[in-house]
Amino acid sequence: MVSFRFLPFLLLGLASACRPDTSSNATKTAADTAPQQVKDDLGRSVTIPAHPRRIMALAPSMTEMLYAVADTSTIIARTQVCDYPAAVVHKPVVSSYPLDLERLVAMHPDVVFTVSGITSPDDAARLEQLGIPVYYQQYETVDDVLRGMRDLGHLLGREEVARHLTDSLQAELRHIAPASGKAPRVLAITWQDPIYVYGQNTLFTDKIKLAGGQNAVVEKFAQPYPALTREYILKLNPDVLIGGRFGKLDSTFFKNYPELRRIRAYQTRQVYPITGNLMERPGPRTVESVRELQRIIAQSTARPLAQ
């Protein structure tokens, strides 16, 4: 039997035992709210809020990624060239080139996402001096694009959404069956005067490989989208040319450069248009772009390539 004179001490002990341990909860809360110290794809150290609530991208491909991964209510703006998905057109516009720094700052973003080669280092430095972190991504392969979406999921607390998306896209990739036989050499034009093309060190090289072809440009230039001379293109002699419908290019591109009518792609009429924003944007529709390239390759190899 417990003596009454010890009852206050017993009750005090029971109260202490029943009191929740708030020290671990406080530690957990502090960890959940602490800023994220991360490195972006350029190796830059970036400090991002634990739970960004106001985000935007300065590249249309990255905007597409945000719409696929983020809580779309947190996306506060778009650039003048962001047009997909359709819902993005209702967002306020911030010019990305030239960068409208004043308007961007007025939007008070918690973090700005962009792609290497789109936003200049000087612009990024100015934003960071104003307290706005800038996170870069860059891609050389389709796997890099999928990894980029998973990284966004981690940064935005949307890991499950990002993982589900990338798992689905990887499953789609596995069902793309390249045509058997010789992989045609494909030259993809981005501009006609001067002639700019997708170089070896671009995402196109990996996409065309997955589609069953190969980039006709095997040399790595300093610029990812090099300007090629007509003599160089004649030397490449691509099997397939991507850049527009045959009839249209025959009356424009090949009319301006008649000597290029000697290339194999022209001689065999293996000249094709392609959906620009699929080809240009490394985002959730990258697999759709590979599938479009695969259809072109399949069509071009329906008859044997000239030797």
Protein backbone atom coordinates (compact mmCIF):
# COMPACT_ATOMS: atom_id res chain seq x y z
CA MET A 1 0.00 0.00 0.00
CA VAL A 2 1.34 3.42 -0.97
CA SER A 3 1.76 5.89 1.85
CA PHE A 4 -0.14 9.15 1.37
CA ARG A 5 2.95 11.13 2.22
CA PHE A 6 4.60 9.78 -0.94
CA LEU A 7 1.54 10.43 -3.16
CA PRO A 8 2.65 13.90 -4.44
CA PHE A 9 5.98 12.45 -5.57
CA LEU A 10 4.23 9.53 -7.27
CA LEU A 11 1.86 11.82 -9.14
CA LEU A 12 4.75 14.05 -10.16
CA GLY A 13 6.59 11.03 -11.55
CA LEU A 14 3.53 9.85 -13.46
CA ALA A 15 3.02 13.32 -14.91
CA SER A 16 6.64 13.41 -16.06
CA ALA A 17 6.30 9.99 -17.67
CA CYS A 18 3.15 10.96 -19.52
CA ARG A 19 4.47 14.31 -20.74
CA PRO A 20 5.31 14.09 -24.49
CA ASP A 21 8.96 14.35 -25.46
CA THR A 22 8.93 17.61 -27.40
CA SER A 23 12.68 17.70 -27.97
CA SER A 24 12.59 15.18 -30.84
CA ASN A 25 9.53 16.86 -32.35
CA ALA A 26 11.26 20.23 -32.19
CA THR A 27 14.31 18.75 -33.90
CA LYS A 28 12.13 17.21 -36.60
CA THR A 29 10.25 20.48 -37.15
CA ALA A 30 13.51 22.40 -37.45
CA ALA A 31 14.80 19.89 -39.99
CA ASP A 32 11.57 20.10 -41.99
CA THR A 33 11.74 23.88 -42.20
CA ALA A 34 15.48 24.31 -42.69
CA PRO A 35 16.52 25.58 -46.13
CA GLN A 36 17.84 22.97 -48.54
CA GLN A 37 21.53 23.28 -49.37
CA VAL A 38 21.93 21.61 -52.77
CA LYS A 39 24.11 21.63 -55.86
CA ASP A 40 22.52 22.16 -59.24
CA ASP A 41 23.59 20.49 -62.48
CA LEU A 42 26.30 23.10 -63.01
CA GLY A 43 27.83 22.27 -59.63
CA ARG A 44 26.69 25.57 -58.11
CA SER A 45 25.69 25.66 -54.44
CA VAL A 46 22.08 26.80 -54.14
CA THR A 47 20.01 27.45 -51.01
CA ILE A 48 16.33 26.66 -51.58
CA PRO A 49 13.48 27.00 -49.06
CA ALA A 50 12.36 23.72 -47.51
CA HIS A 51 8.87 24.14 -48.96
CA PRO A 52 8.91 26.54 -51.94
CA ARG A 53 5.49 28.12 -52.38
CA ARG A 54 6.23 30.52 -55.24
CA ILE A 55 8.16 29.03 -58.14
CA MET A 56 8.71 29.72 -61.82
CA ALA A 57 10.94 28.68 -64.70
CA LEU A 58 12.84 30.70 -67.28
CA ALA A 59 12.77 27.96 -69.93
CA PRO A 60 9.65 26.50 -71.58
CA SER A 61 10.95 22.96 -71.10
CA MET A 62 11.36 23.57 -67.38
CA THR A 63 7.88 25.10 -67.19
CA GLU A 64 6.52 21.87 -68.68
CA MET A 65 8.43 19.92 -66.03
CA LEU A 66 6.98 22.07 -63.25
CA TYR A 67 3.46 21.49 -64.54
CA ALA A 68 4.12 17.76 -64.57
CA VAL A 69 5.71 17.53 -61.11
CA ALA A 70 4.87 20.56 -58.94
CA ASP A 71 1.69 21.70 -57.26
CA THR A 72 0.56 23.93 -60.12
CA SER A 73 -0.88 26.50 -57.73
CA THR A 74 2.70 27.33 -56.73
CA ILE A 75 3.70 28.25 -60.31
CA ILE A 76 3.45 32.03 -60.35
CA ALA A 77 4.55 33.00 -63.87
CA ARG A 78 5.74 31.91 -67.29
CA THR A 79 8.02 33.30 -69.97
CA GLN A 80 6.88 34.80 -73.25
CA VAL A 81 7.62 31.50 -75.05
CA CYS A 82 5.97 29.11 -72.56
CA ASP A 83 2.84 27.75 -74.28
CA TYR A 84 2.45 24.18 -72.99
CA PRO A 85 0.41 22.84 -71.30
CA ALA A 86 -2.56 25.00 -72.25
CA ALA A 87 -3.16 26.11 -68.65
CA VAL A 88 0.16 27.97 -68.60
CA VAL A 89 -1.15 30.78 -70.80
CA HIS A 90 -3.20 32.06 -67.85
CA LYS A 91 -0.06 32.81 -65.85
CA PRO A 92 1.56 36.28 -65.80
CA VAL A 93 4.42 36.72 -68.27
CA VAL A 94 8.02 37.53 -67.36
CA SER A 95 10.30 38.07 -70.33
CA SER A 96 13.24 35.69 -70.29
CA TYR A 97 15.15 37.26 -73.18
CA PRO A 98 16.04 39.91 -72.44
CA LEU A 99 15.36 39.09 -68.82
CA ASP A 100 12.83 41.46 -67.27
CA LEU A 101 14.60 41.57 -63.92
CA GLU A 102 12.30 44.17 -62.37
CA ARG A 103 9.12 42.24 -63.14
CA LEU A 104 10.64 38.95 -62.05
CA VAL A 105 11.71 40.37 -58.69
CA ALA A 106 8.24 41.88 -58.23
CA MET A 107 6.78 38.35 -58.48
CA HIS A 108 8.68 37.37 -55.31
CA PRO A 109 9.61 33.82 -56.33
CA ASP A 110 11.07 31.50 -53.71
CA VAL A 111 13.20 29.87 -56.40
CA VAL A 112 13.70 30.19 -60.15
CA PHE A 113 14.42 27.11 -62.27
CA THR A 114 16.20 27.27 -65.59
CA VAL A 115 18.25 25.31 -68.10
CA SER A 116 21.91 25.66 -68.96
CA GLY A 117 22.32 27.89 -72.01
CA ILE A 118 19.00 29.69 -71.48
CA THR A 119 19.73 32.01 -68.57
CA SER A 120 23.08 33.80 -68.53
CA PRO A 121 25.35 33.45 -65.46
CA ASP A 122 25.26 37.24 -65.07
CA ASP A 123 21.46 37.26 -64.85
CA ALA A 124 21.55 34.40 -62.34
CA ALA A 125 24.11 36.27 -60.24
CA ARG A 126 21.96 39.42 -60.20
CA LEU A 127 18.92 37.45 -59.07
CA GLU A 128 20.85 35.73 -56.31
CA GLN A 129 22.21 39.08 -55.11
CA LEU A 130 18.58 40.08 -54.69
CA GLY A 131 17.89 36.97 -52.61
CA ILE A 132 16.29 34.83 -55.34
CA PRO A 133 17.98 31.42 -55.75
CA VAL A 134 18.48 30.14 -59.31
CA TYR A 135 18.68 26.39 -59.93
CA TYR A 136 20.10 25.15 -63.25
CA GLN A 137 19.57 21.82 -64.95
CA GLN A 138 21.35 20.46 -68.02
CA TYR A 139 20.80 17.33 -70.08
CA GLU A 140 22.85 15.21 -72.46
CA THR A 141 20.67 12.10 -72.45
CA VAL A 142 17.04 11.15 -72.03
CA ASP A 143 17.99 9.62 -68.69
CA ASP A 144 19.25 13.07 -67.65
CA VAL A 145 15.81 14.51 -68.38
CA LEU A 146 14.10 11.86 -66.27
CA ARG A 147 16.61 12.41 -63.48
CA GLY A 148 15.93 16.15 -63.70
CA MET A 149 12.23 15.56 -63.06
CA ARG A 150 13.04 13.36 -60.07
CA ASP A 151 15.34 16.09 -58.73
CA LEU A 152 12.51 18.61 -59.02
CA GLY A 153 10.26 16.22 -57.14
CA HIS A 154 12.78 16.07 -54.31
CA LEU A 155 13.27 19.84 -54.15
CA LEU A 156 9.53 20.53 -54.17
CA GLY A 157 8.44 17.74 -51.83
CA ARG A 158 6.73 15.90 -54.69
CA GLU A 159 8.91 12.77 -54.84
CA GLU A 160 6.03 10.34 -55.32
CA VAL A 161 4.52 12.33 -58.19
CA ALA A 162 7.90 12.63 -59.94
CA ARG A 163 8.74 8.96 -59.45
CA HIS A 164 5.39 7.84 -60.83
CA LEU A 165 5.86 10.08 -63.88
CA THR A 166 9.42 8.98 -64.64
CA ASP A 167 8.62 5.30 -64.10
CA SER A 168 5.79 5.63 -66.63
CA LEU A 169 8.05 7.36 -69.15
CA GLN A 170 10.75 4.72 -68.74
CA ALA A 171 8.16 2.03 -69.37
CA GLU A 172 7.13 3.83 -72.57
CA LEU A 173 10.76 4.02 -73.70
CA ARG A 174 11.14 0.27 -73.32
CA HIS A 175 8.28 -0.22 -75.77
CA ILE A 176 9.88 1.87 -78.52
CA ALA A 177 11.34 -0.66 -80.90
CA PRO A 178 13.93 0.80 -83.32
CA ALA A 179 13.89 -0.49 -86.88
CA SER A 180 16.36 -3.30 -87.49
CA GLY A 181 19.28 -2.93 -89.87
CA LYS A 182 21.68 -0.13 -90.55
CA ALA A 183 21.11 3.00 -88.44
CA PRO A 184 20.62 5.91 -90.86
CA ARG A 185 22.74 9.03 -90.40
CA VAL A 186 20.39 11.89 -89.60
CA LEU A 187 21.15 15.60 -89.91
CA ALA A 188 18.73 17.86 -88.03
CA ILE A 189 18.64 21.54 -88.98
CA THR A 190 17.69 24.23 -86.48
CA TRP A 191 18.23 27.28 -88.73
CA GLN A 192 18.73 27.74 -92.46
CA ASP A 193 20.79 30.92 -92.89
CA PRO A 194 23.41 30.26 -91.71
CA ILE A 195 22.91 26.50 -91.42
CA TYR A 196 22.77 25.56 -87.75
CA VAL A 197 22.32 21.92 -86.76
CA TYR A 198 21.98 19.72 -83.71
CA GLY A 199 25.53 18.82 -82.80
CA GLN A 200 26.93 15.64 -81.31
CA ASN A 201 26.84 17.06 -77.76
CA THR A 202 23.07 17.65 -77.70
CA LEU A 203 20.14 15.64 -76.41
CA PHE A 204 19.23 14.90 -80.04
CA THR A 205 22.15 12.45 -80.30
CA ASP A 206 20.70 10.24 -77.58
CA LYS A 207 17.12 10.57 -78.80
CA ILE A 208 17.98 9.61 -82.37
CA LYS A 209 19.96 6.63 -81.08
CA LEU A 210 16.98 5.44 -79.05
CA ALA A 211 14.86 5.89 -82.18
CA GLY A 212 17.17 3.67 -84.25
CA GLY A 213 19.30 6.26 -86.06
CA GLN A 214 22.52 8.13 -85.46
CA ASN A 215 23.51 11.77 -85.53
CA ALA A 216 25.25 12.50 -88.83
CA VAL A 217 27.40 15.02 -86.95
CA VAL A 218 29.99 12.86 -85.17
CA GLU A 219 32.51 15.59 -84.43
CA LYS A 220 32.10 17.48 -81.17
CA PHE A 221 32.15 21.22 -81.72
CA ALA A 222 32.59 23.87 -79.04
CA GLN A 223 29.02 24.99 -79.68
CA PRO A 224 26.28 22.38 -79.19
CA TYR A 225 24.44 23.79 -82.22
CA PRO A 226 27.24 24.48 -84.70
CA ALA A 227 26.96 26.37 -87.96
CA LEU A 228 28.06 24.09 -90.79
CA THR A 229 29.37 25.02 -94.21
CA ARG A 230 27.87 23.53 -97.33
CA GLU A 231 31.14 21.72 -97.96
CA TYR A 232 30.97 20.10 -94.55
CA ILE A 233 27.37 18.95 -95.11
CA LEU A 234 28.32 17.49 -98.50
CA LYS A 235 31.06 15.56 -96.73
CA LEU A 236 28.59 14.29 -94.12
CA ASN A 237 26.20 13.21 -96.89
CA PRO A 238 23.35 12.36 -94.46
CA ASP A 239 20.83 9.63 -95.21
CA VAL A 240 17.99 11.61 -93.62
CA LEU A 241 17.46 15.35 -93.23
CA ILE A 242 15.13 16.77 -90.59
CA GLY A 243 13.99 20.36 -90.90
CA GLY A 244 10.82 20.59 -92.99
CA ARG A 245 8.67 19.03 -95.68
CA PHE A 246 10.52 18.05 -98.82
CA GLY A 247 8.53 20.37 -101.09
CA LYS A 248 8.96 23.37 -98.84
CA LEU A 249 12.69 22.84 -98.35
CA ASP A 250 13.15 22.21 -102.05
CA SER A 251 11.78 25.68 -102.77
CA THR A 252 13.69 27.40 -99.95
CA PHE A 253 16.64 25.64 -98.36
CA PHE A 254 17.78 23.63 -101.37
CA LYS A 255 17.02 26.54 -103.69
CA ASN A 256 19.39 28.71 -101.67
CA TYR A 257 22.00 25.93 -101.50
CA PRO A 258 21.51 24.00 -104.78
CA GLU A 259 24.75 22.06 -104.35
CA LEU A 260 23.19 20.33 -101.33
CA ARG A 261 20.79 18.56 -103.68
CA ARG A 262 23.66 16.11 -104.09
CA ILE A 263 23.31 14.75 -100.57
CA ARG A 264 21.76 11.30 -100.21
CA ALA A 265 18.80 12.57 -98.18
CA TYR A 266 17.71 14.80 -101.06
CA GLN A 267 18.38 12.21 -103.75
CA THR A 268 16.18 9.67 -101.94
CA ARG A 269 13.67 12.29 -100.74
CA GLN A 270 14.29 11.37 -97.11
CA VAL A 271 13.52 14.89 -95.89
CA TYR A 272 11.05 15.28 -93.04
CA PRO A 273 9.40 17.91 -90.84
CA ILE A 274 9.30 17.48 -87.09
CA THR A 275 7.34 19.02 -84.24
CA GLY A 276 9.55 21.88 -83.10
CA ASN A 277 8.62 22.12 -79.45
CA LEU A 278 9.00 18.36 -79.01
CA MET A 279 12.47 18.41 -80.50
CA GLU A 280 13.60 21.53 -78.68
CA ARG A 281 12.23 20.97 -75.18
CA PRO A 282 13.78 18.42 -72.81
CA GLY A 283 10.76 17.77 -70.62
CA PRO A 284 7.92 15.32 -69.95
CA ARG A 285 7.28 15.02 -73.71
CA THR A 286 10.83 13.85 -74.48
CA VAL A 287 9.62 10.27 -74.92
CA GLU A 288 6.97 11.53 -77.35
CA SER A 289 9.82 13.18 -79.27
CA VAL A 290 11.74 9.89 -79.42
CA ARG A 291 8.60 8.19 -80.71
CA GLU A 292 8.23 10.81 -83.45
CA LEU A 293 11.86 10.30 -84.47
CA GLN A 294 11.32 6.55 -84.48
CA ARG A 295 8.44 6.93 -86.94
CA ILE A 296 10.70 8.98 -89.24
CA ILE A 297 13.47 6.39 -89.03
CA ALA A 298 11.01 3.57 -89.72
CA GLN A 299 9.69 5.41 -92.76
CA SER A 300 13.17 6.18 -94.06
CA THR A 301 14.33 2.56 -93.71
CA ALA A 302 11.29 1.11 -95.41
CA ARG A 303 13.57 0.86 -98.43
CA PRO A 304 17.28 0.01 -98.23
CA LEU A 305 19.62 2.96 -97.88
CA ALA A 306 21.94 3.63 -100.78
CA GLN A 307 25.51 2.44 -100.23
